Amino acid sequence: MADLNFEDVVKAIASDTNTPTETVSRMYAETWAQYSDGARVLDYLTVLVAKRVRENLRGVSQDRH
């Protein structure tokens, strides 16, 4: 499995959720900071952070309907 970098993850989430990349980038950075604070193992952090951002964005879009 190829390592995903920040930009690739942000672009994928933005595309999947029809959200501006700037918004996704900010949310991803904030979530990364929360999850990585004090974390000793960072191996799966990209996956966990991406999942949380997607969930948050889906929750926002559902709240609008």
PDB file of N, CA and C in Angstrom:
ATOM      1  N   MET A   1       0.849  -1.188   0.000  1.00  0.00           N
ATOM      2  CA  MET A   1       0.000   0.000   0.000  1.00  0.00           C
ATOM      3  C   MET A   1       0.889   1.244   0.000  1.00  0.00           C
ATOM      4  N   ALA A   2       0.598   2.148  -0.870  1.00  0.00           N
ATOM      5  CA  ALA A   2       1.403   3.363  -0.970  1.00  0.00           C
ATOM      6  C   ALA A   2       1.057   4.315   0.169  1.00  0.00           C
ATOM      7  N   ASP A   3       2.060   5.022   0.634  1.00  0.00           N
ATOM      8  CA  ASP A   3       1.810   6.023   1.674  1.00  0.00           C
ATOM      9  C   ASP A   3       1.058   7.193   1.068  1.00  0.00           C
ATOM     10  N   LEU A   4       0.035   7.608   1.742  1.00  0.00           N
ATOM     11  CA  LEU A   4      -0.726   8.758   1.293  1.00  0.00           C
ATOM     12  C   LEU A   4      -0.204   9.995   1.988  1.00  0.00           C
ATOM     13  N   ASN A   5      -0.010  11.034   1.213  1.00  0.00           N
ATOM     14  CA  ASN A   5       0.441  12.275   1.843  1.00  0.00           C
ATOM     15  C   ASN A   5      -0.770  13.168   2.112  1.00  0.00           C
ATOM     16  N   PHE A   6      -0.521  14.201   2.855  1.00  0.00           N
ATOM     17  CA  PHE A   6      -1.560  15.130   3.293  1.00  0.00           C
ATOM     18  C   PHE A   6      -2.404  15.633   2.119  1.00  0.00           C
ATOM     19  N   GLU A   7      -1.750  16.093   1.063  1.00  0.00           N
ATOM     20  CA  GLU A   7      -2.484  16.670  -0.064  1.00  0.00           C
ATOM     21  C   GLU A   7      -3.373  15.644  -0.752  1.00  0.00           C
ATOM     22  N   ASP A   8      -2.862  14.428  -0.912  1.00  0.00           N
ATOM     23  CA  ASP A   8      -3.652  13.376  -1.560  1.00  0.00           C
ATOM     24  C   ASP A   8      -4.899  13.044  -0.748  1.00  0.00           C
ATOM     25  N   VAL A   9      -4.725  12.932   0.557  1.00  0.00           N
ATOM     26  CA  VAL A   9      -5.853  12.607   1.429  1.00  0.00           C
ATOM     27  C   VAL A   9      -6.878  13.732   1.397  1.00  0.00           C
ATOM     28  N   VAL A  10      -6.419  14.967   1.508  1.00  0.00           N
ATOM     29  CA  VAL A  10      -7.330  16.119   1.502  1.00  0.00           C
ATOM     30  C   VAL A  10      -8.098  16.184   0.183  1.00  0.00           C
ATOM     31  N   LYS A  11      -7.415  16.005  -0.938  1.00  0.00           N
ATOM     32  CA  LYS A  11      -8.084  16.046  -2.244  1.00  0.00           C
ATOM     33  C   LYS A  11      -9.131  14.950  -2.361  1.00  0.00           C
ATOM     34  N   ALA A  12      -8.802  13.742  -1.881  1.00  0.00           N
ATOM     35  CA  ALA A  12      -9.746  12.622  -1.964  1.00  0.00           C
ATOM     36  C   ALA A  12     -10.986  12.885  -1.119  1.00  0.00           C
ATOM     37  N   ILE A  13     -10.787  13.369   0.093  1.00  0.00           N
ATOM     38  CA  ILE A  13     -11.923  13.662   0.965  1.00  0.00           C
ATOM     39  C   ILE A  13     -12.763  14.787   0.363  1.00  0.00           C
ATOM     40  N   ALA A  14     -12.130  15.817  -0.134  1.00  0.00           N
ATOM     41  CA  ALA A  14     -12.851  16.934  -0.738  1.00  0.00           C
ATOM     42  C   ALA A  14     -13.694  16.461  -1.913  1.00  0.00           C
ATOM     43  N   SER A  15     -13.119  15.626  -2.740  1.00  0.00           N
ATOM     44  CA  SER A  15     -13.834  15.102  -3.898  1.00  0.00           C
ATOM     45  C   SER A  15     -14.997  14.214  -3.476  1.00  0.00           C
ATOM     46  N   ASP A  16     -14.752  13.311  -2.531  1.00  0.00           N
ATOM     47  CA  ASP A  16     -15.784  12.375  -2.081  1.00  0.00           C
ATOM     48  C   ASP A  16     -16.943  13.064  -1.385  1.00  0.00           C
ATOM     49  N   THR A  17     -16.669  14.155  -0.703  1.00  0.00           N
ATOM     50  CA  THR A  17     -17.704  14.821   0.091  1.00  0.00           C
ATOM     51  C   THR A  17     -18.198  16.120  -0.534  1.00  0.00           C
ATOM     52  N   ASN A  18     -17.666  16.462  -1.708  1.00  0.00           N
ATOM     53  CA  ASN A  18     -18.052  17.693  -2.395  1.00  0.00           C
ATOM     54  C   ASN A  18     -17.886  18.910  -1.475  1.00  0.00           C
ATOM     55  N   THR A  19     -16.696  18.970  -0.847  1.00  0.00           N
ATOM     56  CA  THR A  19     -16.365  20.030   0.098  1.00  0.00           C
ATOM     57  C   THR A  19     -15.114  20.742  -0.408  1.00  0.00           C
ATOM     58  N   PRO A  20     -15.024  22.056  -0.268  1.00  0.00           N
ATOM     59  CA  PRO A  20     -13.824  22.771  -0.708  1.00  0.00           C
ATOM     60  C   PRO A  20     -12.560  22.226  -0.028  1.00  0.00           C
ATOM     61  N   THR A  21     -11.488  22.144  -0.794  1.00  0.00           N
ATOM     62  CA  THR A  21     -10.236  21.607  -0.243  1.00  0.00           C
ATOM     63  C   THR A  21      -9.732  22.422   0.936  1.00  0.00           C
ATOM     64  N   GLU A  22      -9.988  23.726   0.936  1.00  0.00           N
ATOM     65  CA  GLU A  22      -9.543  24.562   2.049  1.00  0.00           C
ATOM     66  C   GLU A  22     -10.220  24.136   3.349  1.00  0.00           C
ATOM     67  N   THR A  23     -11.496  23.834   3.271  1.00  0.00           N
ATOM     68  CA  THR A  23     -12.249  23.400   4.445  1.00  0.00           C
ATOM     69  C   THR A  23     -11.735  22.059   4.937  1.00  0.00           C
ATOM     70  N   VAL A  24     -11.557  21.121   4.011  1.00  0.00           N
ATOM     71  CA  VAL A  24     -11.063  19.796   4.372  1.00  0.00           C
ATOM     72  C   VAL A  24      -9.658  19.899   4.954  1.00  0.00           C
ATOM     73  N   SER A  25      -8.825  20.708   4.349  1.00  0.00           N
ATOM     74  CA  SER A  25      -7.449  20.869   4.822  1.00  0.00           C
ATOM     75  C   SER A  25      -7.428  21.376   6.263  1.00  0.00           C
ATOM     76  N   ARG A  26      -8.255  22.352   6.559  1.00  0.00           N
ATOM     77  CA  ARG A  26      -8.313  22.906   7.914  1.00  0.00           C
ATOM     78  C   ARG A  26      -8.814  21.862   8.905  1.00  0.00           C
ATOM     79  N   MET A  27      -9.877  21.164   8.530  1.00  0.00           N
ATOM     80  CA  MET A  27     -10.433  20.134   9.411  1.00  0.00           C
ATOM     81  C   MET A  27      -9.429  19.009   9.636  1.00  0.00           C
ATOM     82  N   TYR A  28      -8.734  18.621   8.586  1.00  0.00           N
ATOM     83  CA  TYR A  28      -7.751  17.541   8.688  1.00  0.00           C
ATOM     84  C   TYR A  28      -6.617  17.951   9.624  1.00  0.00           C
ATOM     85  N   ALA A  29      -6.121  19.159   9.459  1.00  0.00           N
ATOM     86  CA  ALA A  29      -5.024  19.641  10.304  1.00  0.00           C
ATOM     87  C   ALA A  29      -5.452  19.702  11.771  1.00  0.00           C
ATOM     88  N   GLU A  30      -6.659  20.194  12.027  1.00  0.00           N
ATOM     89  CA  GLU A  30      -7.164  20.277  13.392  1.00  0.00           C
ATOM     90  C   GLU A  30      -7.341  18.892  14.003  1.00  0.00           C
ATOM     91  N   THR A  31      -7.893  17.972  13.230  1.00  0.00           N
ATOM     92  CA  THR A  31      -8.110  16.612  13.716  1.00  0.00           C
ATOM     93  C   THR A  31      -6.779  15.911  13.936  1.00  0.00           C
ATOM     94  N   TRP A  32      -5.827  16.110  13.020  1.00  0.00           N
ATOM     95  CA  TRP A  32      -4.492  15.525  13.174  1.00  0.00           C
ATOM     96  C   TRP A  32      -3.862  16.000  14.487  1.00  0.00           C
ATOM     97  N   ALA A  33      -3.975  17.277  14.756  1.00  0.00           N
ATOM     98  CA  ALA A  33      -3.387  17.831  15.979  1.00  0.00           C
ATOM     99  C   ALA A  33      -4.007  17.184  17.218  1.00  0.00           C
ATOM    100  N   GLN A  34      -5.315  17.005  17.202  1.00  0.00           N
ATOM    101  CA  GLN A  34      -6.001  16.380  18.334  1.00  0.00           C
ATOM    102  C   GLN A  34      -5.564  14.928  18.508  1.00  0.00           C
ATOM    103  N   TYR A  35      -5.524  14.190  17.412  1.00  0.00           N
ATOM    104  CA  TYR A  35      -5.226  12.759  17.488  1.00  0.00           C
ATOM    105  C   TYR A  35      -3.754  12.481  17.777  1.00  0.00           C
ATOM    106  N   SER A  36      -2.872  13.332  17.276  1.00  0.00           N
ATOM    107  CA  SER A  36      -1.439  13.063  17.429  1.00  0.00           C
ATOM    108  C   SER A  36      -0.883  13.552  18.759  1.00  0.00           C
ATOM    109  N   ASP A  37      -1.632  14.407  19.457  1.00  0.00           N
ATOM    110  CA  ASP A  37      -1.176  14.937  20.731  1.00  0.00           C
ATOM    111  C   ASP A  37      -0.998  13.801  21.730  1.00  0.00           C
ATOM    112  N   GLY A  38       0.257  13.512  22.059  1.00  0.00           N
ATOM    113  CA  GLY A  38       0.576  12.457  23.005  1.00  0.00           C
ATOM    114  C   GLY A  38       0.578  11.055  22.427  1.00  0.00           C
ATOM    115  N   ALA A  39       0.281  10.915  21.151  1.00  0.00           N
ATOM    116  CA  ALA A  39       0.263   9.586  20.534  1.00  0.00           C
ATOM    117  C   ALA A  39       1.676   9.035  20.424  1.00  0.00           C
ATOM    118  N   ARG A  40       1.802   7.756  20.755  1.00  0.00           N
ATOM    119  CA  ARG A  40       3.119   7.134  20.649  1.00  0.00           C
ATOM    120  C   ARG A  40       3.268   6.343  19.352  1.00  0.00           C
ATOM    121  N   VAL A  41       2.169   5.903  18.813  1.00  0.00           N
ATOM    122  CA  VAL A  41       2.196   5.157  17.557  1.00  0.00           C
ATOM    123  C   VAL A  41       1.411   5.961  16.525  1.00  0.00           C
ATOM    124  N   LEU A  42       2.078   6.328  15.452  1.00  0.00           N
ATOM    125  CA  LEU A  42       1.449   7.167  14.429  1.00  0.00           C
ATOM    126  C   LEU A  42       1.169   6.411  13.133  1.00  0.00           C
ATOM    127  N   ASP A  43       1.415   5.101  13.128  1.00  0.00           N
ATOM    128  CA  ASP A  43       1.310   4.315  11.904  1.00  0.00           C
ATOM    129  C   ASP A  43      -0.036   4.436  11.197  1.00  0.00           C
ATOM    130  N   TYR A  44      -1.117   4.431  11.938  1.00  0.00           N
ATOM    131  CA  TYR A  44      -2.442   4.436  11.333  1.00  0.00           C
ATOM    132  C   TYR A  44      -3.164   5.765  11.508  1.00  0.00           C
ATOM    133  N   LEU A  45      -2.439   6.767  11.935  1.00  0.00           N
ATOM    134  CA  LEU A  45      -3.064   8.049  12.224  1.00  0.00           C
ATOM    135  C   LEU A  45      -3.697   8.671  10.982  1.00  0.00           C
ATOM    136  N   THR A  46      -3.056   8.559   9.840  1.00  0.00           N
ATOM    137  CA  THR A  46      -3.613   9.115   8.603  1.00  0.00           C
ATOM    138  C   THR A  46      -4.992   8.527   8.326  1.00  0.00           C
ATOM    139  N   VAL A  47      -5.126   7.224   8.485  1.00  0.00           N
ATOM    140  CA  VAL A  47      -6.396   6.547   8.226  1.00  0.00           C
ATOM    141  C   VAL A  47      -7.452   6.983   9.238  1.00  0.00           C
ATOM    142  N   LEU A  48      -7.083   7.045  10.503  1.00  0.00           N
ATOM    143  CA  LEU A  48      -8.030   7.435  11.542  1.00  0.00           C
ATOM    144  C   LEU A  48      -8.484   8.884  11.389  1.00  0.00           C
ATOM    145  N   VAL A  49      -7.544   9.761  11.085  1.00  0.00           N
ATOM    146  CA  VAL A  49      -7.886  11.178  10.917  1.00  0.00           C
ATOM    147  C   VAL A  49      -8.784  11.352   9.696  1.00  0.00           C
ATOM    148  N   ALA A  50      -8.446  10.703   8.592  1.00  0.00           N
ATOM    149  CA  ALA A  50      -9.262  10.804   7.380  1.00  0.00           C
ATOM    150  C   ALA A  50     -10.675  10.300   7.643  1.00  0.00           C
ATOM    151  N   LYS A  51     -10.800   9.203   8.371  1.00  0.00           N
ATOM    152  CA  LYS A  51     -12.120   8.659   8.689  1.00  0.00           C
ATOM    153  C   LYS A  51     -12.926   9.653   9.516  1.00  0.00           C
ATOM    154  N   ARG A  52     -12.309  10.255  10.509  1.00  0.00           N
ATOM    155  CA  ARG A  52     -13.013  11.212  11.372  1.00  0.00           C
ATOM    156  C   ARG A  52     -13.464  12.438  10.570  1.00  0.00           C
ATOM    157  N   VAL A  53     -12.589  12.955   9.706  1.00  0.00           N
ATOM    158  CA  VAL A  53     -12.954  14.133   8.905  1.00  0.00           C
ATOM    159  C   VAL A  53     -14.124  13.790   7.979  1.00  0.00           C
ATOM    160  N   ARG A  54     -14.076  12.631   7.339  1.00  0.00           N
ATOM    161  CA  ARG A  54     -15.185  12.218   6.469  1.00  0.00           C
ATOM    162  C   ARG A  54     -16.488  12.132   7.257  1.00  0.00           C
ATOM    163  N   GLU A  55     -16.421  11.505   8.434  1.00  0.00           N
ATOM    164  CA  GLU A  55     -17.615  11.376   9.263  1.00  0.00           C
ATOM    165  C   GLU A  55     -18.163  12.744   9.660  1.00  0.00           C
ATOM    166  N   ASN A  56     -17.271  13.633  10.038  1.00  0.00           N
ATOM    167  CA  ASN A  56     -17.695  14.985  10.420  1.00  0.00           C
ATOM    168  C   ASN A  56     -18.346  15.709   9.248  1.00  0.00           C
ATOM    169  N   LEU A  57     -17.769  15.586   8.076  1.00  0.00           N
ATOM    170  CA  LEU A  57     -18.325  16.255   6.897  1.00  0.00           C
ATOM    171  C   LEU A  57     -19.664  15.646   6.500  1.00  0.00           C
ATOM    172  N   ARG A  58     -19.794  14.349   6.608  1.00  0.00           N
ATOM    173  CA  ARG A  58     -21.082  13.712   6.286  1.00  0.00           C
ATOM    174  C   ARG A  58     -22.143  14.159   7.278  1.00  0.00           C
ATOM    175  N   GLY A  59     -21.767  14.311   8.529  1.00  0.00           N
ATOM    176  CA  GLY A  59     -22.702  14.787   9.541  1.00  0.00           C
ATOM    177  C   GLY A  59     -23.171  16.196   9.249  1.00  0.00           C
ATOM    178  N   VAL A  60     -22.253  17.032   8.782  1.00  0.00           N
ATOM    179  CA  VAL A  60     -22.599  18.412   8.424  1.00  0.00           C
ATOM    180  C   VAL A  60     -23.549  18.424   7.247  1.00  0.00           C
ATOM    181  N   SER A  61     -23.272  17.626   6.218  1.00  0.00           N
ATOM    182  CA  SER A  61     -24.139  17.632   5.034  1.00  0.00           C
ATOM    183  C   SER A  61     -25.510  17.059   5.352  1.00  0.00           C
ATOM    184  N   GLN A  62     -25.602  16.078   6.253  1.00  0.00           N
ATOM    185  CA  GLN A  62     -26.889  15.526   6.633  1.00  0.00           C
ATOM    186  C   GLN A  62     -27.695  16.520   7.449  1.00  0.00           C
ATOM    187  N   ASP A  63     -27.010  17.326   8.254  1.00  0.00           N
ATOM    188  CA  ASP A  63     -27.699  18.328   9.057  1.00  0.00           C
ATOM    189  C   ASP A  63     -28.347  19.401   8.190  1.00  0.00           C
ATOM    190  N   ARG A  64     -27.826  19.622   7.008  1.00  0.00           N
ATOM    191  CA  ARG A  64     -28.362  20.653   6.109  1.00  0.00           C
ATOM    192  C   ARG A  64     -29.667  20.220   5.483  1.00  0.00           C
ATOM    193  N   HIS A  65     -29.934  18.921   5.401  1.00  0.00           N
ATOM    194  CA  HIS A  65     -31.125  18.406   4.714  1.00  0.00           C
ATOM    195  C   HIS A  65     -32.262  18.230   5.668  1.00  0.00           C
TER     196      HIS A  65
END
